[in-house]
Amino acid sequence: AGFPPTDMGFALWIHCTALLEAGDVDDAEHAAAEAEGLWRATGDRWGLAMLLHGRAMAELGRGRLDRAAALFREALTMVERDDEPYI
């Protein structure tokens, strides 16, 4: 639609969050995967960390503790490498 990739990633993340709230996990995972691809391609570590945290929370809710922990660690790594604190 002509939007910058980081803006599209953010819009997809919001869409993913709404889908999760509605219980539509499959479509939420598709939106999250698309957002992740955009943020990884652009190097947007803040966006990627936000998305990974959300995916980790979803995995935690499913009882997939090992997967949740891996996603939390990756999200933390994203913000630790940045000089600007987000928390």
C-alpha atoms as a PDB file:
ATOM      1  CA  ALA A   1       0.000   0.000   0.000  1.00  0.00           C
ATOM      2  CA  GLY A   2       3.045   2.261  -0.205  1.00  0.00           C
ATOM      3  CA  PHE A   3       3.717   2.433   3.535  1.00  0.00           C
ATOM      4  CA  PRO A   4       7.281   2.125   4.876  1.00  0.00           C
ATOM      5  CA  PRO A   5       8.089  -1.469   5.922  1.00  0.00           C
ATOM      6  CA  THR A   6       8.482  -0.509   9.582  1.00  0.00           C
ATOM      7  CA  ASP A   7       5.005   1.087   9.572  1.00  0.00           C
ATOM      8  CA  MET A   8       3.556  -2.011   7.915  1.00  0.00           C
ATOM      9  CA  GLY A   9       5.261  -4.165  10.545  1.00  0.00           C
ATOM     10  CA  PHE A  10       3.684  -2.108  13.302  1.00  0.00           C
ATOM     11  CA  ALA A  11       0.231  -2.311  11.652  1.00  0.00           C
ATOM     12  CA  LEU A  12       0.608  -6.083  11.314  1.00  0.00           C
ATOM     13  CA  TRP A  13       1.632  -6.345  14.972  1.00  0.00           C
ATOM     14  CA  ILE A  14      -1.510  -4.437  16.021  1.00  0.00           C
ATOM     15  CA  HIS A  15      -3.566  -6.698  13.744  1.00  0.00           C
ATOM     16  CA  CYS A  16      -1.892  -9.752  15.281  1.00  0.00           C
ATOM     17  CA  THR A  17      -2.716  -8.528  18.791  1.00  0.00           C
ATOM     18  CA  ALA A  18      -6.365  -7.982  17.858  1.00  0.00           C
ATOM     19  CA  LEU A  19      -6.571 -11.438  16.299  1.00  0.00           C
ATOM     20  CA  LEU A  20      -5.110 -13.025  19.432  1.00  0.00           C
ATOM     21  CA  GLU A  21      -7.644 -11.176  21.570  1.00  0.00           C
ATOM     22  CA  ALA A  22     -10.382 -12.564  19.307  1.00  0.00           C
ATOM     23  CA  GLY A  23      -8.980 -16.080  19.671  1.00  0.00           C
ATOM     24  CA  ASP A  24      -7.884 -16.374  16.034  1.00  0.00           C
ATOM     25  CA  VAL A  25      -4.444 -17.829  16.694  1.00  0.00           C
ATOM     26  CA  ASP A  26      -3.776 -19.111  13.165  1.00  0.00           C
ATOM     27  CA  ASP A  27      -4.342 -15.756  11.458  1.00  0.00           C
ATOM     28  CA  ALA A  28      -2.484 -14.002  14.277  1.00  0.00           C
ATOM     29  CA  GLU A  29       0.542 -16.219  13.672  1.00  0.00           C
ATOM     30  CA  HIS A  30       0.457 -15.369   9.949  1.00  0.00           C
ATOM     31  CA  ALA A  31       0.326 -11.626  10.700  1.00  0.00           C
ATOM     32  CA  ALA A  32       3.144 -12.003  13.238  1.00  0.00           C
ATOM     33  CA  ALA A  33       5.308 -13.906  10.751  1.00  0.00           C
ATOM     34  CA  GLU A  34       4.808 -11.207   8.124  1.00  0.00           C
ATOM     35  CA  ALA A  35       5.621  -8.437  10.616  1.00  0.00           C
ATOM     36  CA  GLU A  36       8.694 -10.336  11.795  1.00  0.00           C
ATOM     37  CA  GLY A  37       9.940 -10.654   8.226  1.00  0.00           C
ATOM     38  CA  LEU A  38       9.549  -6.923   7.633  1.00  0.00           C
ATOM     39  CA  TRP A  39      11.282  -5.957  10.863  1.00  0.00           C
ATOM     40  CA  ARG A  40      14.127  -8.408  10.356  1.00  0.00           C
ATOM     41  CA  ALA A  41      14.634  -7.148   6.786  1.00  0.00           C
ATOM     42  CA  THR A  42      14.768  -3.511   7.904  1.00  0.00           C
ATOM     43  CA  GLY A  43      16.840  -4.134  11.034  1.00  0.00           C
ATOM     44  CA  ASP A  44      14.181  -2.569  13.281  1.00  0.00           C
ATOM     45  CA  ARG A  45      15.276  -4.122  16.568  1.00  0.00           C
ATOM     46  CA  TRP A  46      12.655  -2.316  18.667  1.00  0.00           C
ATOM     47  CA  GLY A  47       9.806  -3.557  16.495  1.00  0.00           C
ATOM     48  CA  LEU A  48      11.267  -7.035  16.398  1.00  0.00           C
ATOM     49  CA  ALA A  49      11.709  -7.106  20.177  1.00  0.00           C
ATOM     50  CA  MET A  50       8.094  -6.010  20.659  1.00  0.00           C
ATOM     51  CA  LEU A  51       6.877  -8.732  18.302  1.00  0.00           C
ATOM     52  CA  LEU A  52       9.066 -11.438  19.851  1.00  0.00           C
ATOM     53  CA  HIS A  53       7.800 -10.505  23.308  1.00  0.00           C
ATOM     54  CA  GLY A  54       4.220 -10.858  22.092  1.00  0.00           C
ATOM     55  CA  ARG A  55       4.958 -14.212  20.489  1.00  0.00           C
ATOM     56  CA  ALA A  56       6.629 -15.327  23.720  1.00  0.00           C
ATOM     57  CA  MET A  57       3.534 -14.379  25.715  1.00  0.00           C
ATOM     58  CA  ALA A  58       1.377 -16.416  23.318  1.00  0.00           C
ATOM     59  CA  GLU A  59       3.693 -19.420  23.672  1.00  0.00           C
ATOM     60  CA  LEU A  60       3.639 -19.028  27.439  1.00  0.00           C
ATOM     61  CA  GLY A  61      -0.164 -19.093  27.332  1.00  0.00           C
ATOM     62  CA  ARG A  62      -0.034 -22.325  25.325  1.00  0.00           C
ATOM     63  CA  GLY A  63       2.252 -23.886  27.918  1.00  0.00           C
ATOM     64  CA  ARG A  64       5.224 -24.022  25.546  1.00  0.00           C
ATOM     65  CA  LEU A  65       7.726 -22.839  28.121  1.00  0.00           C
ATOM     66  CA  ASP A  66      10.926 -23.670  26.225  1.00  0.00           C
ATOM     67  CA  ARG A  67       9.748 -21.818  23.100  1.00  0.00           C
ATOM     68  CA  ALA A  68       8.531 -18.863  25.197  1.00  0.00           C
ATOM     69  CA  ALA A  69      11.888 -18.648  26.991  1.00  0.00           C
ATOM     70  CA  ALA A  70      13.794 -18.674  23.685  1.00  0.00           C
ATOM     71  CA  LEU A  71      11.618 -15.864  22.302  1.00  0.00           C
ATOM     72  CA  PHE A  72      11.956 -13.818  25.512  1.00  0.00           C
ATOM     73  CA  ARG A  73      15.752 -14.211  25.350  1.00  0.00           C
ATOM     74  CA  GLU A  74      15.844 -13.119  21.710  1.00  0.00           C
ATOM     75  CA  ALA A  75      13.628 -10.105  22.459  1.00  0.00           C
ATOM     76  CA  LEU A  76      15.880  -9.111  25.349  1.00  0.00           C
ATOM     77  CA  THR A  77      18.938  -9.443  23.119  1.00  0.00           C
ATOM     78  CA  MET A  78      17.357  -7.021  20.641  1.00  0.00           C
ATOM     79  CA  VAL A  79      16.988  -4.253  23.225  1.00  0.00           C
ATOM     80  CA  GLU A  80      20.258  -4.948  25.023  1.00  0.00           C
ATOM     81  CA  ARG A  81      22.211  -4.257  21.834  1.00  0.00           C
ATOM     82  CA  ASP A  82      20.655  -0.826  21.486  1.00  0.00           C
ATOM     83  CA  ASP A  83      22.024   2.238  23.269  1.00  0.00           C
ATOM     84  CA  GLU A  84      18.556   3.643  23.846  1.00  0.00           C
ATOM     85  CA  PRO A  85      16.619   1.920  26.645  1.00  0.00           C
ATOM     86  CA  TYR A  86      13.022   0.988  25.889  1.00  0.00           C
ATOM     87  CA  ILE A  87      12.068  -0.257  29.325  1.00  0.00           C
END
